[in-house]
Amino acid sequence: MKIKKVANIFRYTGRIVLLTLGILVFAFGLLSGAEDSEGITTFSGIIKNSPNALPGFALLIFVGIAWKKELIGGIIVTIFGLFLVYFFNMGNNFYLTTFIATLVIVMLGLLFIGSWWIRRKETK
């Protein structure tokens, strides 16, 4: 019974943190840079800036998949996180904060995989 609590902690930590992170990244990508020349955010500015929100939108979709299918979603989130680690950190610009922020996504994806693994072992 105690092992199921660990699986639940993994599951709900991954869900809540990734959902919060996905919403924040999506909102930031959508709204930052959507101001006009006077500094006022307009609807047309949001539409023009919407491609910047695609990584956050992708993360939200992956979290939705992980919500329904922990193993598949966890693998997708982990691979997406590894891609982000590589994309944002393996060039001339390496910042420790960016590295840690992208690595958090990998770790949260691993929580979904760990939760699935614990539950699978429990049923045998």
C-alpha atoms as a PDB file:
ATOM      1  CA  MET A   1       0.000   0.000   0.000  1.00  0.00           C
ATOM      2  CA  LYS A   2       2.878   2.382   0.761  1.00  0.00           C
ATOM      3  CA  ILE A   3       4.352   1.899  -2.704  1.00  0.00           C
ATOM      4  CA  LYS A   4       1.047   3.042  -4.236  1.00  0.00           C
ATOM      5  CA  LYS A   5       1.396   6.321  -2.331  1.00  0.00           C
ATOM      6  CA  VAL A   6       4.791   6.843  -3.948  1.00  0.00           C
ATOM      7  CA  ALA A   7       3.258   6.192  -7.374  1.00  0.00           C
ATOM      8  CA  ASN A   8       0.489   8.690  -6.596  1.00  0.00           C
ATOM      9  CA  ILE A   9       3.037  11.308  -5.519  1.00  0.00           C
ATOM     10  CA  PHE A  10       4.947  10.787  -8.775  1.00  0.00           C
ATOM     11  CA  ARG A  11       1.754  10.966 -10.827  1.00  0.00           C
ATOM     12  CA  TYR A  12       0.245  14.062  -9.234  1.00  0.00           C
ATOM     13  CA  THR A  13       3.529  15.937  -8.965  1.00  0.00           C
ATOM     14  CA  GLY A  14       4.144  15.373 -12.665  1.00  0.00           C
ATOM     15  CA  ARG A  15       0.610  16.369 -13.572  1.00  0.00           C
ATOM     16  CA  ILE A  16       0.354  19.519 -11.481  1.00  0.00           C
ATOM     17  CA  VAL A  17       3.840  20.881 -12.107  1.00  0.00           C
ATOM     18  CA  LEU A  18       3.832  20.177 -15.853  1.00  0.00           C
ATOM     19  CA  LEU A  19       0.324  21.568 -16.291  1.00  0.00           C
ATOM     20  CA  THR A  20       1.278  24.737 -14.427  1.00  0.00           C
ATOM     21  CA  LEU A  21       4.533  25.028 -16.354  1.00  0.00           C
ATOM     22  CA  GLY A  22       2.775  24.408 -19.674  1.00  0.00           C
ATOM     23  CA  ILE A  23       0.150  27.088 -19.003  1.00  0.00           C
ATOM     24  CA  LEU A  24       2.790  29.601 -17.958  1.00  0.00           C
ATOM     25  CA  VAL A  25       5.013  28.921 -20.980  1.00  0.00           C
ATOM     26  CA  PHE A  26       2.012  29.056 -23.318  1.00  0.00           C
ATOM     27  CA  ALA A  27       0.744  32.340 -21.858  1.00  0.00           C
ATOM     28  CA  PHE A  28       4.207  33.894 -21.872  1.00  0.00           C
ATOM     29  CA  GLY A  29       4.824  32.838 -25.472  1.00  0.00           C
ATOM     30  CA  LEU A  30       1.451  34.159 -26.545  1.00  0.00           C
ATOM     31  CA  LEU A  31       1.554  37.511 -24.774  1.00  0.00           C
ATOM     32  CA  SER A  32       5.200  38.528 -24.709  1.00  0.00           C
ATOM     33  CA  GLY A  33       5.978  40.562 -27.764  1.00  0.00           C
ATOM     34  CA  ALA A  34       2.304  41.111 -28.622  1.00  0.00           C
ATOM     35  CA  GLU A  35       2.434  44.814 -27.763  1.00  0.00           C
ATOM     36  CA  ASP A  36       2.027  47.495 -30.366  1.00  0.00           C
ATOM     37  CA  SER A  37       4.330  50.509 -30.686  1.00  0.00           C
ATOM     38  CA  GLU A  38       2.642  52.162 -27.696  1.00  0.00           C
ATOM     39  CA  GLY A  39       3.126  49.149 -25.416  1.00  0.00           C
ATOM     40  CA  ILE A  40      -0.514  48.049 -25.467  1.00  0.00           C
ATOM     41  CA  THR A  41      -1.306  44.380 -26.057  1.00  0.00           C
ATOM     42  CA  THR A  42      -3.819  44.038 -28.878  1.00  0.00           C
ATOM     43  CA  PHE A  43      -5.682  41.088 -30.338  1.00  0.00           C
ATOM     44  CA  SER A  44      -3.875  41.450 -33.657  1.00  0.00           C
ATOM     45  CA  GLY A  45      -0.566  41.500 -31.773  1.00  0.00           C
ATOM     46  CA  ILE A  46      -1.511  38.261 -30.039  1.00  0.00           C
ATOM     47  CA  ILE A  47      -2.386  36.656 -33.381  1.00  0.00           C
ATOM     48  CA  LYS A  48       0.928  37.778 -34.913  1.00  0.00           C
ATOM     49  CA  ASN A  49       2.802  36.492 -31.878  1.00  0.00           C
ATOM     50  CA  SER A  50       0.972  33.143 -31.675  1.00  0.00           C
ATOM     51  CA  PRO A  51       3.808  31.065 -33.250  1.00  0.00           C
ATOM     52  CA  ASN A  52       5.874  31.848 -30.150  1.00  0.00           C
ATOM     53  CA  ALA A  53       3.316  29.934 -28.092  1.00  0.00           C
ATOM     54  CA  LEU A  54       3.744  26.663 -30.005  1.00  0.00           C
ATOM     55  CA  PRO A  55       6.278  25.079 -27.593  1.00  0.00           C
ATOM     56  CA  GLY A  56       3.960  25.761 -24.658  1.00  0.00           C
ATOM     57  CA  PHE A  57       1.001  24.414 -26.613  1.00  0.00           C
ATOM     58  CA  ALA A  58       2.986  21.275 -27.493  1.00  0.00           C
ATOM     59  CA  LEU A  59       3.877  20.805 -23.831  1.00  0.00           C
ATOM     60  CA  LEU A  60       0.194  21.075 -22.869  1.00  0.00           C
ATOM     61  CA  ILE A  61      -0.724  18.447 -25.460  1.00  0.00           C
ATOM     62  CA  PHE A  62       2.015  16.142 -24.179  1.00  0.00           C
ATOM     63  CA  VAL A  63       0.804  16.624 -20.602  1.00  0.00           C
ATOM     64  CA  GLY A  64      -2.697  15.670 -21.771  1.00  0.00           C
ATOM     65  CA  ILE A  65      -1.323  12.498 -23.316  1.00  0.00           C
ATOM     66  CA  ALA A  66       0.611  11.707 -20.132  1.00  0.00           C
ATOM     67  CA  TRP A  67      -2.549  12.328 -18.126  1.00  0.00           C
ATOM     68  CA  LYS A  68      -4.339   9.534 -19.994  1.00  0.00           C
ATOM     69  CA  LYS A  69      -1.445   7.175 -20.812  1.00  0.00           C
ATOM     70  CA  GLU A  70       1.388   7.549 -18.318  1.00  0.00           C
ATOM     71  CA  LEU A  71       4.016   5.497 -20.095  1.00  0.00           C
ATOM     72  CA  ILE A  72       3.528   6.886 -23.602  1.00  0.00           C
ATOM     73  CA  GLY A  73       3.062  10.451 -22.335  1.00  0.00           C
ATOM     74  CA  GLY A  74       6.033  10.154 -19.993  1.00  0.00           C
ATOM     75  CA  ILE A  75       8.244   9.010 -22.850  1.00  0.00           C
ATOM     76  CA  ILE A  76       7.024  11.852 -25.067  1.00  0.00           C
ATOM     77  CA  VAL A  77       7.522  14.474 -22.336  1.00  0.00           C
ATOM     78  CA  THR A  78      10.996  13.115 -21.557  1.00  0.00           C
ATOM     79  CA  ILE A  79      12.035  13.174 -25.233  1.00  0.00           C
ATOM     80  CA  PHE A  80      10.579  16.688 -25.623  1.00  0.00           C
ATOM     81  CA  GLY A  81      12.515  17.784 -22.529  1.00  0.00           C
ATOM     82  CA  LEU A  82      15.745  16.277 -23.869  1.00  0.00           C
ATOM     83  CA  PHE A  83      15.170  18.103 -27.154  1.00  0.00           C
ATOM     84  CA  LEU A  84      14.726  21.365 -25.215  1.00  0.00           C
ATOM     85  CA  VAL A  85      17.897  20.711 -23.214  1.00  0.00           C
ATOM     86  CA  TYR A  86      19.815  20.208 -26.444  1.00  0.00           C
ATOM     87  CA  PHE A  87      18.171  23.071 -28.363  1.00  0.00           C
ATOM     88  CA  PHE A  88      18.591  25.720 -25.674  1.00  0.00           C
ATOM     89  CA  ASN A  89      21.928  24.666 -24.175  1.00  0.00           C
ATOM     90  CA  MET A  90      24.170  23.055 -26.788  1.00  0.00           C
ATOM     91  CA  GLY A  91      25.288  26.133 -28.640  1.00  0.00           C
ATOM     92  CA  ASN A  92      27.315  29.184 -27.856  1.00  0.00           C
ATOM     93  CA  ASN A  93      24.776  30.288 -25.258  1.00  0.00           C
ATOM     94  CA  PHE A  94      24.858  28.092 -22.167  1.00  0.00           C
ATOM     95  CA  TYR A  95      23.111  29.423 -19.091  1.00  0.00           C
ATOM     96  CA  LEU A  96      22.740  27.364 -15.947  1.00  0.00           C
ATOM     97  CA  THR A  97      19.181  28.616 -15.318  1.00  0.00           C
ATOM     98  CA  THR A  98      18.048  27.553 -18.800  1.00  0.00           C
ATOM     99  CA  PHE A  99      19.736  24.192 -18.364  1.00  0.00           C
ATOM    100  CA  ILE A 100      17.985  23.590 -15.033  1.00  0.00           C
ATOM    101  CA  ALA A 101      14.605  24.784 -16.356  1.00  0.00           C
ATOM    102  CA  THR A 102      14.744  22.435 -19.337  1.00  0.00           C
ATOM    103  CA  LEU A 103      16.080  19.567 -17.242  1.00  0.00           C
ATOM    104  CA  VAL A 104      13.049  19.897 -14.946  1.00  0.00           C
ATOM    105  CA  ILE A 105      10.816  18.873 -17.864  1.00  0.00           C
ATOM    106  CA  VAL A 106      12.914  15.737 -18.368  1.00  0.00           C
ATOM    107  CA  MET A 107      12.656  14.863 -14.677  1.00  0.00           C
ATOM    108  CA  LEU A 108       8.896  15.396 -14.639  1.00  0.00           C
ATOM    109  CA  GLY A 109       8.532  13.116 -17.663  1.00  0.00           C
ATOM    110  CA  LEU A 110      10.522  10.510 -15.762  1.00  0.00           C
ATOM    111  CA  LEU A 111       8.049  10.818 -12.873  1.00  0.00           C
ATOM    112  CA  PHE A 112       5.256   9.658 -15.202  1.00  0.00           C
ATOM    113  CA  ILE A 113       7.355   6.712 -16.333  1.00  0.00           C
ATOM    114  CA  GLY A 114       8.220   5.894 -12.716  1.00  0.00           C
ATOM    115  CA  SER A 115       4.575   6.028 -11.677  1.00  0.00           C
ATOM    116  CA  TRP A 116       3.628   3.669 -14.490  1.00  0.00           C
ATOM    117  CA  TRP A 117       6.481   1.319 -13.607  1.00  0.00           C
ATOM    118  CA  ILE A 118       5.541   1.186  -9.909  1.00  0.00           C
ATOM    119  CA  ARG A 119       1.884   0.493 -10.725  1.00  0.00           C
ATOM    120  CA  ARG A 120       2.843  -2.187 -13.259  1.00  0.00           C
ATOM    121  CA  LYS A 121       5.045  -3.966 -10.744  1.00  0.00           C
ATOM    122  CA  GLU A 122       2.309  -3.719  -8.105  1.00  0.00           C
ATOM    123  CA  THR A 123      -0.239  -5.577 -10.256  1.00  0.00           C
ATOM    124  CA  LYS A 124       2.062  -8.575 -10.813  1.00  0.00           C
END
